[in-house]
Amino acid sequence: MPNAATSPTRTAVVGFGVSGKVFHAPLISGDPGYSLDVIVTADPERAAEAARLYPNARIVPTPEALFALAPELDLVVLGTPPLTHFDLAATAIGHGLHVVVDKPFVTASAHGEELIARAADGGVRLTVFQNRRWDADFLTLRNLIQEGALGEVRSFESRFEWWRPEGFGNWRDTASVADGGGILHDLGAHLIDQAIQLFGPIEDCYGETANHGPRGDGADTDAFASLLHTSGVRTRLWMNGMAAQAGARFHVLGSKAGYTKWGLDSQEPALAAGLPPSDPAYGVDPQDSWGVLGVDGATAPVPAEKGAYPRFYAELAAAIRGGGPLPVDPAESLETLKVIERIHAFA
């Protein structure tokens, strides 16, 4: 076996849709701490595209074919629908492989607890791809809060909205809530995680969900969540895939100032367009999208921090090699899932 302290982490990406193609494969291939050795997809067009983009990777059609190669691998990345996460992660852990699970972590918190226990027993590292912790606007806001620029934060509003009435064109259009579908599972896993990162644990929560699409299974296309943190901050979150006009991405009110930011982070469209993470332009938000800080009549734009999705894999490599902290503790993603479950029960 190669020396784990010096050799690249041998990696397989399962799934080559948006998650695998846009996020994981570019970030992994752009990090010298990894080698992208295997890509799993049963779709012939996606397989051809994967082979074109990553000629050194082996393209296999099934997870069974992947796990037959387990002795040649160190890490499995799951960019598949949430209904598959538990079984695939459990199998990878059983083969002694480290695992990255895309959000939402799993479809039920009991499954998350079991995976965490299995990873601990198996001596492997398990983490969840909560990449929005490295959005440019989130990093900027976190710094402002830490510096005390807003004073005592009292209210945090966060929105992730777009106009997509035709749907996503993937599993999100058909997955039921029980299968990890619905926008609260999908985007709520990001927005709730961000709120907890900023303001700490949740004391109480409630929410609303609605389905404005043609589906009859109740999977939500529009959701709202209100969270009361033990710190006293009140968080209000909106998720909507059918918003003809989007609201502010962040609207934060404190005792000294407020901060308002419009528009979404630029890293996903940059990766989708093929911009490598090593490009100096990667993660740089244009000045006209910067948020503003201050009070009405006296606000000023705040230069955005550079978006940093590559840090997830850099921190994971350090954790695998040296036993350091994971980029995302799966217990934190489990807490986010429990909040989602509570909101679904309320709504």
Protein backbone atom coordinates (compact mmCIF):
# COMPACT_ATOMS: atom_id res chain seq x y z
CA MET A 1 0.00 0.00 0.00
CA PRO A 2 1.30 3.51 -0.80
CA ASN A 3 2.60 5.66 2.03
CA ALA A 4 -0.54 7.52 3.17
CA ALA A 5 1.55 10.38 4.53
CA THR A 6 3.13 11.22 1.16
CA SER A 7 1.05 9.68 -1.62
CA PRO A 8 -2.09 11.30 -3.02
CA THR A 9 -5.36 10.09 -1.55
CA ARG A 10 -6.76 7.65 -4.11
CA THR A 11 -10.33 8.75 -4.72
CA ALA A 12 -13.53 7.54 -6.36
CA VAL A 13 -16.46 9.82 -7.17
CA VAL A 14 -19.85 8.10 -7.30
CA GLY A 15 -22.24 9.93 -9.59
CA PHE A 16 -21.43 12.38 -12.37
CA GLY A 17 -24.41 14.71 -12.34
CA VAL A 18 -24.24 18.24 -10.93
CA SER A 19 -22.65 17.11 -7.67
CA GLY A 20 -19.95 14.88 -9.12
CA LYS A 21 -19.22 16.79 -12.31
CA VAL A 22 -19.51 20.40 -11.15
CA PHE A 23 -18.25 20.21 -7.58
CA HIS A 24 -16.33 17.12 -6.54
CA ALA A 25 -14.36 16.07 -9.60
CA PRO A 26 -12.92 19.55 -10.33
CA LEU A 27 -12.03 20.18 -6.68
CA ILE A 28 -10.40 16.77 -6.27
CA SER A 29 -8.50 16.87 -9.56
CA GLY A 30 -7.28 20.37 -8.75
CA ASP A 31 -5.78 19.35 -5.40
CA PRO A 32 -2.35 17.65 -5.51
CA GLY A 33 -3.25 15.81 -2.32
CA TYR A 34 -5.64 13.60 -4.30
CA SER A 35 -5.76 11.44 -7.38
CA LEU A 36 -9.10 10.98 -9.13
CA ASP A 37 -8.92 7.26 -9.90
CA VAL A 38 -12.51 6.10 -10.43
CA ILE A 39 -15.76 7.72 -11.54
CA VAL A 40 -19.01 5.79 -11.24
CA THR A 41 -21.87 6.51 -13.64
CA ALA A 42 -24.23 4.24 -15.55
CA ASP A 43 -25.27 6.98 -17.99
CA PRO A 44 -23.43 6.54 -21.33
CA GLU A 45 -23.31 10.26 -22.10
CA ARG A 46 -22.01 11.12 -18.63
CA ALA A 47 -19.48 8.30 -18.85
CA ALA A 48 -18.16 9.66 -22.15
CA GLU A 49 -17.94 13.15 -20.69
CA ALA A 50 -16.14 11.85 -17.59
CA ALA A 51 -13.64 9.98 -19.76
CA ARG A 52 -13.02 13.11 -21.84
CA LEU A 53 -12.50 15.37 -18.84
CA TYR A 54 -10.53 12.88 -16.72
CA PRO A 55 -8.69 10.49 -19.07
CA ASN A 56 -6.65 9.00 -16.23
CA ALA A 57 -9.72 7.93 -14.27
CA ARG A 58 -11.35 4.55 -14.63
CA ILE A 59 -15.05 4.86 -15.52
CA VAL A 60 -17.22 2.10 -14.08
CA PRO A 61 -21.01 1.70 -14.29
CA THR A 62 -22.00 0.49 -10.83
CA PRO A 63 -21.11 0.77 -7.14
CA GLU A 64 -20.46 -2.98 -7.18
CA ALA A 65 -17.73 -2.44 -9.78
CA LEU A 66 -16.35 0.35 -7.64
CA PHE A 67 -16.17 -1.70 -4.45
CA ALA A 68 -14.41 -4.49 -6.31
CA LEU A 69 -11.59 -1.94 -6.62
CA ALA A 70 -11.62 -1.03 -2.91
CA PRO A 71 -8.03 -2.24 -2.23
CA GLU A 72 -6.82 0.33 -4.77
CA LEU A 73 -8.66 3.26 -3.14
CA ASP A 74 -8.61 5.38 0.01
CA LEU A 75 -11.65 7.64 -0.30
CA VAL A 76 -15.16 7.42 -1.75
CA VAL A 77 -17.15 10.58 -2.52
CA LEU A 78 -20.92 10.19 -2.82
CA GLY A 79 -22.49 12.63 -5.26
CA THR A 80 -25.66 10.58 -5.53
CA PRO A 81 -29.31 11.12 -4.44
CA PRO A 82 -29.78 11.08 -0.65
CA LEU A 83 -31.78 7.85 -0.67
CA THR A 84 -28.57 6.02 -1.65
CA HIS A 85 -26.28 7.65 0.90
CA PHE A 86 -26.71 5.28 3.82
CA ASP A 87 -26.16 2.02 1.95
CA LEU A 88 -23.25 3.33 -0.13
CA ALA A 89 -21.51 4.98 2.82
CA ALA A 90 -22.00 1.91 5.01
CA THR A 91 -20.52 -0.30 2.29
CA ALA A 92 -17.55 2.01 1.81
CA ILE A 93 -16.90 2.10 5.55
CA GLY A 94 -17.12 -1.71 5.60
CA HIS A 95 -14.33 -1.76 3.00
CA GLY A 96 -12.16 0.48 5.19
CA LEU A 97 -12.56 3.54 2.98
CA HIS A 98 -12.93 7.15 4.07
CA VAL A 99 -16.19 8.75 2.93
CA VAL A 100 -17.47 12.14 1.81
CA VAL A 101 -21.28 12.29 1.65
CA ASP A 102 -22.93 15.15 -0.18
CA LYS A 103 -25.67 16.97 1.66
CA PRO A 104 -28.33 16.21 2.73
CA PHE A 105 -26.38 13.73 4.85
CA VAL A 106 -28.96 10.91 4.89
CA THR A 107 -32.75 10.63 4.78
CA ALA A 108 -33.21 10.02 8.53
CA SER A 109 -31.19 11.06 11.56
CA ALA A 110 -31.07 7.49 12.89
CA HIS A 111 -29.15 6.52 9.75
CA GLY A 112 -26.72 9.35 10.34
CA GLU A 113 -26.10 8.22 13.90
CA GLU A 114 -25.40 4.69 12.68
CA LEU A 115 -22.96 5.84 10.01
CA ILE A 116 -21.05 7.97 12.50
CA ALA A 117 -20.79 4.99 14.85
CA ARG A 118 -19.68 2.66 12.06
CA ALA A 119 -16.99 5.08 10.89
CA ALA A 120 -15.66 5.42 14.43
CA ASP A 121 -15.61 1.64 14.88
CA GLY A 122 -13.96 1.18 11.48
CA GLY A 123 -11.27 3.80 12.06
CA VAL A 124 -12.16 5.77 8.92
CA ARG A 125 -13.01 9.44 8.42
CA LEU A 126 -16.60 10.35 7.52
CA THR A 127 -17.56 13.89 6.55
CA VAL A 128 -20.35 15.79 4.78
CA PHE A 129 -19.91 18.22 1.89
CA GLN A 130 -21.34 21.39 3.45
CA ASN A 131 -19.54 23.51 0.87
CA ARG A 132 -21.59 26.65 1.53
CA ARG A 133 -19.46 27.24 4.62
CA TRP A 134 -16.90 28.50 2.11
CA ASP A 135 -19.16 30.84 0.10
CA ALA A 136 -17.58 34.26 -0.35
CA ASP A 137 -20.52 36.10 1.23
CA PHE A 138 -20.72 33.71 4.17
CA LEU A 139 -16.99 34.11 4.91
CA THR A 140 -17.42 37.89 4.66
CA LEU A 141 -20.38 37.92 7.04
CA ARG A 142 -18.65 35.63 9.52
CA ASN A 143 -15.67 37.99 9.64
CA LEU A 144 -17.92 41.02 10.18
CA ILE A 145 -19.65 39.28 13.09
CA GLN A 146 -16.37 38.19 14.66
CA GLU A 147 -14.97 41.72 14.33
CA GLY A 148 -18.04 43.17 16.04
CA ALA A 149 -18.91 45.35 13.04
CA LEU A 150 -22.64 44.74 13.54
CA GLY A 151 -22.61 44.92 17.32
CA GLU A 152 -24.91 42.41 18.98
CA VAL A 153 -26.65 40.47 16.21
CA ARG A 154 -30.38 40.25 16.83
CA SER A 155 -31.87 39.00 13.57
CA PHE A 156 -30.43 36.92 10.73
CA GLU A 157 -32.35 36.46 7.48
CA SER A 158 -30.98 34.18 4.78
CA ARG A 159 -32.52 33.31 1.42
CA PHE A 160 -31.66 30.92 -1.36
CA GLU A 161 -34.16 31.57 -4.13
CA TRP A 162 -34.31 31.22 -7.89
CA TRP A 163 -36.79 31.00 -10.74
CA ARG A 164 -36.84 27.43 -11.99
CA PRO A 165 -40.50 26.49 -12.61
CA GLU A 166 -39.45 23.75 -15.03
CA GLY A 167 -37.63 21.91 -12.22
CA PHE A 168 -34.05 20.73 -11.90
CA GLY A 169 -34.04 17.98 -14.51
CA ASN A 170 -32.64 15.45 -12.04
CA TRP A 171 -33.58 13.37 -8.98
CA ARG A 172 -34.81 16.49 -7.15
CA ASP A 173 -37.87 16.54 -9.38
CA THR A 174 -39.06 13.09 -8.27
CA ALA A 175 -37.68 12.35 -4.78
CA SER A 176 -40.26 12.35 -1.99
CA VAL A 177 -39.64 13.91 1.42
CA ALA A 178 -39.09 10.42 2.84
CA ASP A 179 -36.39 9.90 0.21
CA GLY A 180 -34.61 13.14 1.13
CA GLY A 181 -36.42 15.23 -1.47
CA GLY A 182 -37.94 18.69 -1.21
CA ILE A 183 -36.24 22.05 -1.05
CA LEU A 184 -36.05 22.06 2.76
CA HIS A 185 -33.85 18.97 2.63
CA ASP A 186 -31.87 20.26 -0.33
CA LEU A 187 -31.21 23.92 0.46
CA GLY A 188 -32.20 23.80 4.11
CA ALA A 189 -29.21 21.55 4.70
CA HIS A 190 -27.04 24.53 3.65
CA LEU A 191 -28.91 27.42 5.21
CA ILE A 192 -29.52 25.79 8.60
CA ASP A 193 -25.90 24.66 8.73
CA GLN A 194 -24.71 28.20 8.02
CA ALA A 195 -26.96 29.62 10.74
CA ILE A 196 -25.69 27.15 13.32
CA GLN A 197 -22.10 27.91 12.34
CA LEU A 198 -22.70 31.60 12.94
CA PHE A 199 -24.92 31.60 16.01
CA GLY A 200 -24.71 28.20 17.68
CA PRO A 201 -27.20 25.50 18.68
CA ILE A 202 -30.95 25.68 18.09
CA GLU A 203 -33.25 25.99 21.10
CA ASP A 204 -36.54 25.99 19.20
CA CYS A 205 -37.74 25.98 15.59
CA TYR A 206 -40.81 25.90 13.42
CA GLY A 207 -41.47 26.21 9.72
CA GLU A 208 -43.76 26.17 6.72
CA THR A 209 -43.57 24.18 3.50
CA ALA A 210 -45.53 24.35 0.26
CA ASN A 211 -45.60 22.55 -3.07
CA HIS A 212 -46.36 24.86 -5.99
CA GLY A 213 -45.42 22.33 -8.66
CA PRO A 214 -47.34 19.59 -10.43
CA ARG A 215 -46.26 16.82 -8.04
CA GLY A 216 -48.75 15.15 -5.75
CA ASP A 217 -46.35 13.62 -3.21
CA GLY A 218 -45.98 16.76 -1.12
CA ALA A 219 -42.27 17.35 -1.71
CA ASP A 220 -41.83 21.06 -1.04
CA THR A 221 -40.76 23.61 -3.63
CA ASP A 222 -41.04 26.50 -1.16
CA ALA A 223 -40.04 26.45 2.51
CA PHE A 224 -39.57 28.79 5.46
CA ALA A 225 -37.83 28.05 8.75
CA SER A 226 -37.59 30.10 11.92
CA LEU A 227 -34.86 29.12 14.37
CA LEU A 228 -34.24 30.44 17.86
CA HIS A 229 -30.61 29.91 18.86
CA THR A 230 -29.58 29.41 22.47
CA SER A 231 -27.48 32.55 21.95
CA GLY A 232 -30.72 34.53 21.58
CA VAL A 233 -30.37 35.26 17.86
CA ARG A 234 -33.47 34.66 15.75
CA THR A 235 -32.79 33.16 12.31
CA ARG A 236 -35.34 33.25 9.47
CA LEU A 237 -34.63 31.20 6.37
CA TRP A 238 -36.37 31.09 2.99
CA MET A 239 -35.85 28.46 0.27
CA ASN A 240 -37.75 28.72 -2.99
CA GLY A 241 -37.17 27.19 -6.40
CA MET A 242 -40.06 29.09 -7.97
CA ALA A 243 -39.30 32.67 -6.96
CA ALA A 244 -40.02 35.08 -9.83
CA GLN A 245 -38.03 37.70 -7.91
CA ALA A 246 -35.39 36.72 -5.40
CA GLY A 247 -34.99 38.42 -2.04
CA ALA A 248 -31.74 39.45 -0.41
CA ARG A 249 -29.30 36.60 0.12
CA PHE A 250 -28.44 37.93 3.60
CA HIS A 251 -30.13 40.59 5.72
CA VAL A 252 -28.55 40.83 9.16
CA LEU A 253 -29.49 43.36 11.84
CA GLY A 254 -27.35 44.17 14.86
CA SER A 255 -27.23 46.77 17.60
CA LYS A 256 -24.68 48.88 15.68
CA ALA A 257 -25.30 48.18 12.00
CA GLY A 258 -26.89 45.94 9.42
CA TYR A 259 -25.48 43.96 6.52
CA THR A 260 -27.39 43.19 3.32
CA LYS A 261 -26.14 41.11 0.41
CA TRP A 262 -27.90 40.29 -2.88
CA GLY A 263 -27.10 37.48 -5.27
CA LEU A 264 -25.58 34.02 -4.95
CA ASP A 265 -21.97 32.95 -4.60
CA SER A 266 -20.07 32.72 -7.90
CA GLN A 267 -18.20 29.45 -7.37
CA GLU A 268 -20.84 27.00 -8.65
CA PRO A 269 -21.34 28.76 -12.01
CA ALA A 270 -17.57 29.20 -12.34
CA LEU A 271 -16.98 25.48 -11.82
CA ALA A 272 -19.86 24.61 -14.15
CA ALA A 273 -18.26 26.79 -16.83
CA GLY A 274 -14.97 24.92 -16.45
CA LEU A 275 -12.97 27.53 -14.54
CA PRO A 276 -10.34 25.60 -12.57
CA PRO A 277 -10.08 26.37 -8.84
CA SER A 278 -6.42 27.29 -9.41
CA ASP A 279 -7.39 30.23 -11.65
CA PRO A 280 -6.80 33.59 -9.90
CA ALA A 281 -10.33 34.65 -10.87
CA TYR A 282 -11.90 31.68 -9.10
CA GLY A 283 -13.95 32.62 -6.03
CA VAL A 284 -13.68 36.38 -6.63
CA ASP A 285 -17.05 38.12 -6.36
CA PRO A 286 -17.41 41.22 -8.58
CA GLN A 287 -17.62 44.53 -6.78
CA ASP A 288 -21.18 45.15 -7.92
CA SER A 289 -22.30 42.11 -5.92
CA TRP A 290 -20.65 43.07 -2.62
CA GLY A 291 -22.87 43.40 0.42
CA VAL A 292 -23.32 46.73 2.21
CA LEU A 293 -22.72 47.50 5.88
CA GLY A 294 -24.07 50.34 8.01
CA VAL A 295 -27.36 52.05 8.80
CA ASP A 296 -29.87 53.58 6.39
CA GLY A 297 -28.36 56.71 4.85
CA ALA A 298 -24.84 55.68 5.76
CA THR A 299 -23.95 52.33 4.19
CA ALA A 300 -20.80 51.25 2.41
CA PRO A 301 -19.90 48.17 0.35
CA VAL A 302 -17.78 45.53 2.05
CA PRO A 303 -15.11 43.83 -0.11
CA ALA A 304 -15.99 40.14 -0.33
CA GLU A 305 -13.69 37.47 0.96
CA LYS A 306 -12.53 35.05 -1.70
CA GLY A 307 -14.77 32.00 -2.04
CA ALA A 308 -12.94 28.89 -0.97
CA TYR A 309 -14.58 25.54 -1.77
CA PRO A 310 -11.12 23.97 -2.29
CA ARG A 311 -10.49 24.37 1.44
CA PHE A 312 -12.92 21.52 2.12
CA TYR A 313 -10.68 19.01 0.38
CA ALA A 314 -7.47 20.59 1.66
CA GLU A 315 -8.71 20.20 5.23
CA LEU A 316 -9.92 16.67 4.55
CA ALA A 317 -6.51 15.67 3.18
CA ALA A 318 -4.89 16.97 6.36
CA ALA A 319 -7.40 15.06 8.48
CA ILE A 320 -6.82 11.80 6.61
CA ARG A 321 -3.04 12.13 6.67
CA GLY A 322 -2.48 13.59 10.11
CA GLY A 323 -5.61 12.83 12.10
CA GLY A 324 -6.58 16.49 12.39
CA PRO A 325 -10.11 17.89 12.48
CA LEU A 326 -12.46 17.15 9.61
CA PRO A 327 -13.64 20.06 7.47
CA VAL A 328 -17.20 19.20 8.56
CA ASP A 329 -17.92 17.11 11.64
CA PRO A 330 -20.75 14.75 10.58
CA ALA A 331 -22.34 15.28 14.00
CA GLU A 332 -22.99 18.89 12.92
CA SER A 333 -24.74 17.76 9.74
CA LEU A 334 -26.72 15.33 11.87
CA GLU A 335 -27.94 18.22 14.04
CA THR A 336 -28.98 20.10 10.89
CA LEU A 337 -30.93 17.05 9.74
CA LYS A 338 -32.68 16.83 13.10
CA VAL A 339 -33.79 20.46 12.72
CA ILE A 340 -35.16 19.65 9.25
CA GLU A 341 -37.04 16.69 10.70
CA ARG A 342 -38.54 18.89 13.43
CA ILE A 343 -39.67 21.46 10.86
CA HIS A 344 -41.24 18.78 8.65
CA ALA A 345 -43.08 17.43 11.69
CA PHE A 346 -44.33 20.94 12.51
CA ALA A 347 -45.26 21.86 8.93
